[in-house]
Amino acid sequence: MAKHKHPALKRRLGRAWKRTRRAPVWVIVKSKGRIRTSVKHRSWRTQRIKP
């Protein structure tokens, strides 16, 4: 990956990075543990982000 990234690509990568986090603790507690992962969870190894 290039050292100097285009602003649009940086924004896309930033959004994807935020999306991969787990669901907040209050969501897990409120759903009594039924919801543990985020719907938009992505693994860096299996799914690629379009450049």
Foldseek 3Di string as FASTA:
>chain_A
DDPDDDPVVVVQVVVLVVQQDADDPVVCVVVVNPGTGGPSHDDPPPDDDDD
